[in-house]
Amino acid sequence: MVPETLEAFRDTLVKATPSVDWSPALQSIWWAAKGNWNASHDIAQDLHTKIGSRIHAYLHRLEGDDWNAGYWYRQANVPFPKCSLEGELQKLIESVLEH
């Protein structure tokens, strides 16, 4: 079952893996929220969508690679965020849940 709220999404983070029934974008952001950069990146780099580019950008910002992150923000057609990484993650989760 796909979580409908940020709180419901956060409740799933106690599990070992995301649901295979979820979209790849939701699985990718779930892995990011769990702190597994590699698993999240493996999915995000194959998502040739605006949300995939946003997740990819967030991941590179998270690792401190602002140059690479900037490329992916431009691909997603969004400005480089001025909010905290935690704030960006929350916005990404909410955005993915809306789709």
C-alpha atoms as a PDB file:
ATOM      1  CA  MET A   1       0.000   0.000   0.000  1.00  0.00           C
ATOM      2  CA  VAL A   2       1.315   3.419  -0.959  1.00  0.00           C
ATOM      3  CA  PRO A   3       1.522   5.878   1.951  1.00  0.00           C
ATOM      4  CA  GLU A   4      -0.685   8.909   1.496  1.00  0.00           C
ATOM      5  CA  THR A   5       0.932  11.302   3.957  1.00  0.00           C
ATOM      6  CA  LEU A   6       4.402  12.267   5.087  1.00  0.00           C
ATOM      7  CA  GLU A   7       3.680  10.715   8.481  1.00  0.00           C
ATOM      8  CA  ALA A   8       2.523   7.438   6.900  1.00  0.00           C
ATOM      9  CA  PHE A   9       5.667   7.446   4.737  1.00  0.00           C
ATOM     10  CA  ARG A  10       7.877   7.960   7.778  1.00  0.00           C
ATOM     11  CA  ASP A  11       6.119   5.058   9.514  1.00  0.00           C
ATOM     12  CA  THR A  12       7.352   2.750   6.717  1.00  0.00           C
ATOM     13  CA  LEU A  13      10.991   3.572   7.449  1.00  0.00           C
ATOM     14  CA  VAL A  14      11.085   0.884  10.153  1.00  0.00           C
ATOM     15  CA  LYS A  15      10.918  -1.763   7.410  1.00  0.00           C
ATOM     16  CA  ALA A  16      13.996  -3.284   5.809  1.00  0.00           C
ATOM     17  CA  THR A  17      12.974  -2.443   2.232  1.00  0.00           C
ATOM     18  CA  PRO A  18      10.352  -0.368   0.449  1.00  0.00           C
ATOM     19  CA  SER A  19       7.340  -2.043  -1.105  1.00  0.00           C
ATOM     20  CA  VAL A  20       7.971  -3.454  -4.569  1.00  0.00           C
ATOM     21  CA  ASP A  21       4.520  -2.120  -5.497  1.00  0.00           C
ATOM     22  CA  TRP A  22       5.698   1.471  -5.099  1.00  0.00           C
ATOM     23  CA  SER A  23       6.853   3.613  -7.992  1.00  0.00           C
ATOM     24  CA  PRO A  24      10.605   3.748  -8.569  1.00  0.00           C
ATOM     25  CA  ALA A  25      10.604   7.413  -7.496  1.00  0.00           C
ATOM     26  CA  LEU A  26       8.973   6.546  -4.174  1.00  0.00           C
ATOM     27  CA  GLN A  27      11.394   3.663  -3.654  1.00  0.00           C
ATOM     28  CA  SER A  28      14.343   5.942  -4.418  1.00  0.00           C
ATOM     29  CA  ILE A  29      13.273   8.665  -2.004  1.00  0.00           C
ATOM     30  CA  TRP A  30      12.522   5.981   0.616  1.00  0.00           C
ATOM     31  CA  TRP A  31      16.118   4.729   0.382  1.00  0.00           C
ATOM     32  CA  ALA A  32      17.336   8.332   0.665  1.00  0.00           C
ATOM     33  CA  ALA A  33      15.224   8.826   3.789  1.00  0.00           C
ATOM     34  CA  LYS A  34      16.723   5.613   5.210  1.00  0.00           C
ATOM     35  CA  GLY A  35      20.206   7.008   4.606  1.00  0.00           C
ATOM     36  CA  ASN A  36      21.141   4.536   1.869  1.00  0.00           C
ATOM     37  CA  TRP A  37      22.605   6.901  -0.737  1.00  0.00           C
ATOM     38  CA  ASN A  38      23.748   4.145  -3.083  1.00  0.00           C
ATOM     39  CA  ALA A  39      20.398   2.343  -3.264  1.00  0.00           C
ATOM     40  CA  SER A  40      18.601   5.645  -3.823  1.00  0.00           C
ATOM     41  CA  HIS A  41      21.077   6.769  -6.480  1.00  0.00           C
ATOM     42  CA  ASP A  42      20.919   3.429  -8.319  1.00  0.00           C
ATOM     43  CA  ILE A  43      17.198   3.997  -8.847  1.00  0.00           C
ATOM     44  CA  ALA A  44      17.254   7.765  -9.389  1.00  0.00           C
ATOM     45  CA  GLN A  45      19.882   7.663 -12.119  1.00  0.00           C
ATOM     46  CA  ASP A  46      17.536   5.516 -14.213  1.00  0.00           C
ATOM     47  CA  LEU A  47      14.521   7.798 -13.725  1.00  0.00           C
ATOM     48  CA  HIS A  48      14.431  10.016 -16.785  1.00  0.00           C
ATOM     49  CA  THR A  49      11.708  12.241 -15.374  1.00  0.00           C
ATOM     50  CA  LYS A  50      11.568  15.614 -13.665  1.00  0.00           C
ATOM     51  CA  ILE A  51      11.123  14.004 -10.228  1.00  0.00           C
ATOM     52  CA  GLY A  52      13.956  11.568 -10.962  1.00  0.00           C
ATOM     53  CA  SER A  53      16.220  14.515 -11.755  1.00  0.00           C
ATOM     54  CA  ARG A  54      15.143  16.274  -8.545  1.00  0.00           C
ATOM     55  CA  ILE A  55      15.939  13.205  -6.459  1.00  0.00           C
ATOM     56  CA  HIS A  56      19.247  12.797  -8.286  1.00  0.00           C
ATOM     57  CA  ALA A  57      20.056  16.466  -7.598  1.00  0.00           C
ATOM     58  CA  TYR A  58      19.196  16.104  -3.912  1.00  0.00           C
ATOM     59  CA  LEU A  59      21.485  13.087  -3.605  1.00  0.00           C
ATOM     60  CA  HIS A  60      24.438  14.939  -5.107  1.00  0.00           C
ATOM     61  CA  ARG A  61      23.725  17.954  -2.903  1.00  0.00           C
ATOM     62  CA  LEU A  62      23.632  15.580   0.074  1.00  0.00           C
ATOM     63  CA  GLU A  63      27.081  14.235  -0.784  1.00  0.00           C
ATOM     64  CA  GLY A  64      28.418  17.777  -1.135  1.00  0.00           C
ATOM     65  CA  ASP A  65      28.799  17.762  -4.926  1.00  0.00           C
ATOM     66  CA  ASP A  66      27.061  21.066  -5.663  1.00  0.00           C
ATOM     67  CA  TRP A  67      28.356  21.183  -9.243  1.00  0.00           C
ATOM     68  CA  ASN A  68      26.756  17.828 -10.121  1.00  0.00           C
ATOM     69  CA  ALA A  69      23.653  18.698  -8.094  1.00  0.00           C
ATOM     70  CA  GLY A  70      23.328  21.940 -10.049  1.00  0.00           C
ATOM     71  CA  TYR A  71      23.309  20.008 -13.314  1.00  0.00           C
ATOM     72  CA  TRP A  72      20.450  17.815 -12.097  1.00  0.00           C
ATOM     73  CA  TYR A  73      18.458  20.754 -10.714  1.00  0.00           C
ATOM     74  CA  ARG A  74      18.723  22.344 -14.162  1.00  0.00           C
ATOM     75  CA  GLN A  75      17.506  19.076 -15.738  1.00  0.00           C
ATOM     76  CA  ALA A  76      14.516  19.186 -13.378  1.00  0.00           C
ATOM     77  CA  ASN A  77      14.014  22.885 -14.201  1.00  0.00           C
ATOM     78  CA  VAL A  78      14.096  23.915 -10.537  1.00  0.00           C
ATOM     79  CA  PRO A  79      16.447  26.356  -8.799  1.00  0.00           C
ATOM     80  CA  PHE A  80      19.146  25.177  -6.441  1.00  0.00           C
ATOM     81  CA  PRO A  81      17.339  25.020  -3.070  1.00  0.00           C
ATOM     82  CA  LYS A  82      18.118  27.430  -0.276  1.00  0.00           C
ATOM     83  CA  CYS A  83      16.454  25.274   2.373  1.00  0.00           C
ATOM     84  CA  SER A  84      18.189  22.677   4.530  1.00  0.00           C
ATOM     85  CA  LEU A  85      18.767  19.161   3.258  1.00  0.00           C
ATOM     86  CA  GLU A  86      16.123  17.950   5.719  1.00  0.00           C
ATOM     87  CA  GLY A  87      13.654  20.495   4.364  1.00  0.00           C
ATOM     88  CA  GLU A  88      14.397  19.481   0.804  1.00  0.00           C
ATOM     89  CA  LEU A  89      13.956  15.807   1.621  1.00  0.00           C
ATOM     90  CA  GLN A  90      10.571  16.513   3.174  1.00  0.00           C
ATOM     91  CA  LYS A  91       9.484  18.509   0.097  1.00  0.00           C
ATOM     92  CA  LEU A  92      10.661  15.700  -2.180  1.00  0.00           C
ATOM     93  CA  ILE A  93       8.764  13.078  -0.221  1.00  0.00           C
ATOM     94  CA  GLU A  94       5.603  15.186  -0.348  1.00  0.00           C
ATOM     95  CA  SER A  95       6.063  15.776  -4.063  1.00  0.00           C
ATOM     96  CA  VAL A  96       6.532  12.087  -4.816  1.00  0.00           C
ATOM     97  CA  LEU A  97       3.490  11.188  -2.706  1.00  0.00           C
ATOM     98  CA  GLU A  98       1.370  13.643  -4.738  1.00  0.00           C
ATOM     99  CA  HIS A  99       2.147  11.877  -8.006  1.00  0.00           C
END
